[in-house]
Amino acid sequence: MSEIHVSPLNDHRGGGFNNVGSILVLFILLVIIVCTICGGGLY
């Protein structure tokens, strides 16, 4: 979990799990940013 940035060249190390993890992290960050902009109105 120390690997923050994931490049396509390192994909074979995670067996595809790194891609899913990256997508989930980006999605969570996107939700946090949207909630911050909206002032937390979504919750």
N, C-alpha and C. Protein backbone atom coordinates (compact mmCIF):
# COMPACT_ATOMS: atom_id res chain seq x y z
N MET A 1 0.83 -1.19 0.00
CA MET A 1 0.00 0.00 0.00
C MET A 1 0.87 1.24 0.00
N SER A 2 2.19 1.04 -0.03
CA SER A 2 3.09 2.18 -0.07
C SER A 2 3.17 2.75 -1.49
N GLU A 3 2.72 1.95 -2.48
CA GLU A 3 2.74 2.42 -3.87
C GLU A 3 1.56 3.34 -4.10
N ILE A 4 1.83 4.63 -4.24
CA ILE A 4 0.75 5.60 -4.44
C ILE A 4 0.43 5.72 -5.93
N HIS A 5 1.45 5.90 -6.75
CA HIS A 5 1.23 6.03 -8.19
C HIS A 5 1.42 4.68 -8.86
N VAL A 6 0.46 4.32 -9.70
CA VAL A 6 0.51 3.03 -10.38
C VAL A 6 0.62 3.27 -11.88
N SER A 7 1.66 2.72 -12.49
CA SER A 7 1.85 2.88 -13.92
C SER A 7 1.51 1.57 -14.62
N PRO A 8 1.12 1.62 -15.89
CA PRO A 8 0.79 0.40 -16.64
C PRO A 8 1.94 -0.59 -16.66
N LEU A 9 3.17 -0.11 -16.54
CA LEU A 9 4.32 -1.01 -16.57
C LEU A 9 4.36 -1.88 -15.32
N ASN A 10 3.79 -1.40 -14.23
CA ASN A 10 3.81 -2.16 -12.97
C ASN A 10 2.55 -3.00 -12.80
N ASP A 11 1.70 -3.05 -13.82
CA ASP A 11 0.40 -3.71 -13.68
C ASP A 11 0.57 -5.20 -13.43
N HIS A 12 1.62 -5.80 -14.00
CA HIS A 12 1.78 -7.25 -13.85
C HIS A 12 2.12 -7.63 -12.42
N ARG A 13 2.56 -6.68 -11.62
CA ARG A 13 2.89 -6.98 -10.22
C ARG A 13 1.62 -7.19 -9.40
N GLY A 14 0.61 -6.35 -9.66
CA GLY A 14 -0.62 -6.43 -8.87
C GLY A 14 -1.63 -7.38 -9.46
N GLY A 15 -1.40 -7.86 -10.67
CA GLY A 15 -2.33 -8.79 -11.29
C GLY A 15 -3.66 -8.15 -11.60
N GLY A 16 -3.69 -6.83 -11.77
CA GLY A 16 -4.94 -6.15 -12.11
C GLY A 16 -5.61 -5.54 -10.89
N PHE A 17 -5.23 -5.97 -9.69
CA PHE A 17 -5.85 -5.43 -8.48
C PHE A 17 -5.49 -3.96 -8.31
N ASN A 18 -4.27 -3.59 -8.73
CA ASN A 18 -3.84 -2.20 -8.60
C ASN A 18 -4.72 -1.27 -9.42
N ASN A 19 -5.17 -1.74 -10.59
CA ASN A 19 -6.04 -0.92 -11.41
C ASN A 19 -7.36 -0.66 -10.70
N VAL A 20 -7.93 -1.72 -10.11
CA VAL A 20 -9.20 -1.56 -9.40
C VAL A 20 -9.02 -0.65 -8.20
N GLY A 21 -7.93 -0.82 -7.48
CA GLY A 21 -7.66 0.02 -6.32
C GLY A 21 -7.50 1.48 -6.72
N SER A 22 -6.81 1.72 -7.83
CA SER A 22 -6.60 3.09 -8.30
C SER A 22 -7.93 3.72 -8.67
N ILE A 23 -8.80 2.94 -9.34
CA ILE A 23 -10.10 3.47 -9.74
C ILE A 23 -10.93 3.80 -8.50
N LEU A 24 -10.89 2.93 -7.50
CA LEU A 24 -11.66 3.17 -6.27
C LEU A 24 -11.15 4.40 -5.55
N VAL A 25 -9.82 4.55 -5.48
CA VAL A 25 -9.24 5.71 -4.80
C VAL A 25 -9.61 6.99 -5.53
N LEU A 26 -9.50 6.97 -6.86
CA LEU A 26 -9.85 8.15 -7.64
C LEU A 26 -11.33 8.48 -7.47
N PHE A 27 -12.19 7.45 -7.44
CA PHE A 27 -13.62 7.67 -7.27
C PHE A 27 -13.91 8.29 -5.90
N ILE A 28 -13.24 7.77 -4.86
CA ILE A 28 -13.45 8.31 -3.52
C ILE A 28 -12.98 9.75 -3.44
N LEU A 29 -11.83 10.04 -4.04
CA LEU A 29 -11.33 11.41 -4.04
C LEU A 29 -12.28 12.32 -4.80
N LEU A 30 -12.84 11.83 -5.91
CA LEU A 30 -13.78 12.62 -6.68
C LEU A 30 -15.01 12.94 -5.84
N VAL A 31 -15.52 11.94 -5.12
CA VAL A 31 -16.69 12.15 -4.27
C VAL A 31 -16.39 13.17 -3.18
N ILE A 32 -15.20 13.07 -2.58
CA ILE A 32 -14.82 14.01 -1.52
C ILE A 32 -14.74 15.43 -2.08
N ILE A 33 -14.15 15.57 -3.28
CA ILE A 33 -14.03 16.89 -3.89
C ILE A 33 -15.41 17.46 -4.20
N VAL A 34 -16.29 16.62 -4.76
CA VAL A 34 -17.64 17.09 -5.09
C VAL A 34 -18.38 17.50 -3.82
N CYS A 35 -18.25 16.71 -2.76
CA CYS A 35 -18.93 17.03 -1.50
C CYS A 35 -18.38 18.32 -0.91
N THR A 36 -17.07 18.53 -1.07
CA THR A 36 -16.46 19.75 -0.56
C THR A 36 -16.98 20.97 -1.32
N ILE A 37 -17.10 20.84 -2.64
CA ILE A 37 -17.60 21.94 -3.46
C ILE A 37 -19.06 22.21 -3.14
N CYS A 38 -19.84 21.15 -2.95
CA CYS A 38 -21.27 21.30 -2.68
C CYS A 38 -21.52 21.66 -1.21
N GLY A 39 -20.48 21.67 -0.40
CA GLY A 39 -20.66 22.01 1.00
C GLY A 39 -21.24 20.86 1.80
N GLY A 40 -21.08 19.64 1.32
CA GLY A 40 -21.59 18.49 2.05
C GLY A 40 -23.09 18.32 1.89
N GLY A 41 -23.68 18.97 0.89
CA GLY A 41 -25.13 18.90 0.71
C GLY A 41 -25.60 17.53 0.27
N LEU A 42 -24.68 16.71 -0.29
CA LEU A 42 -25.08 15.38 -0.76
C LEU A 42 -25.43 14.48 0.41
N TYR A 43 -24.85 14.76 1.58
CA TYR A 43 -25.14 13.93 2.73
C TYR A 43 -26.17 14.60 3.63
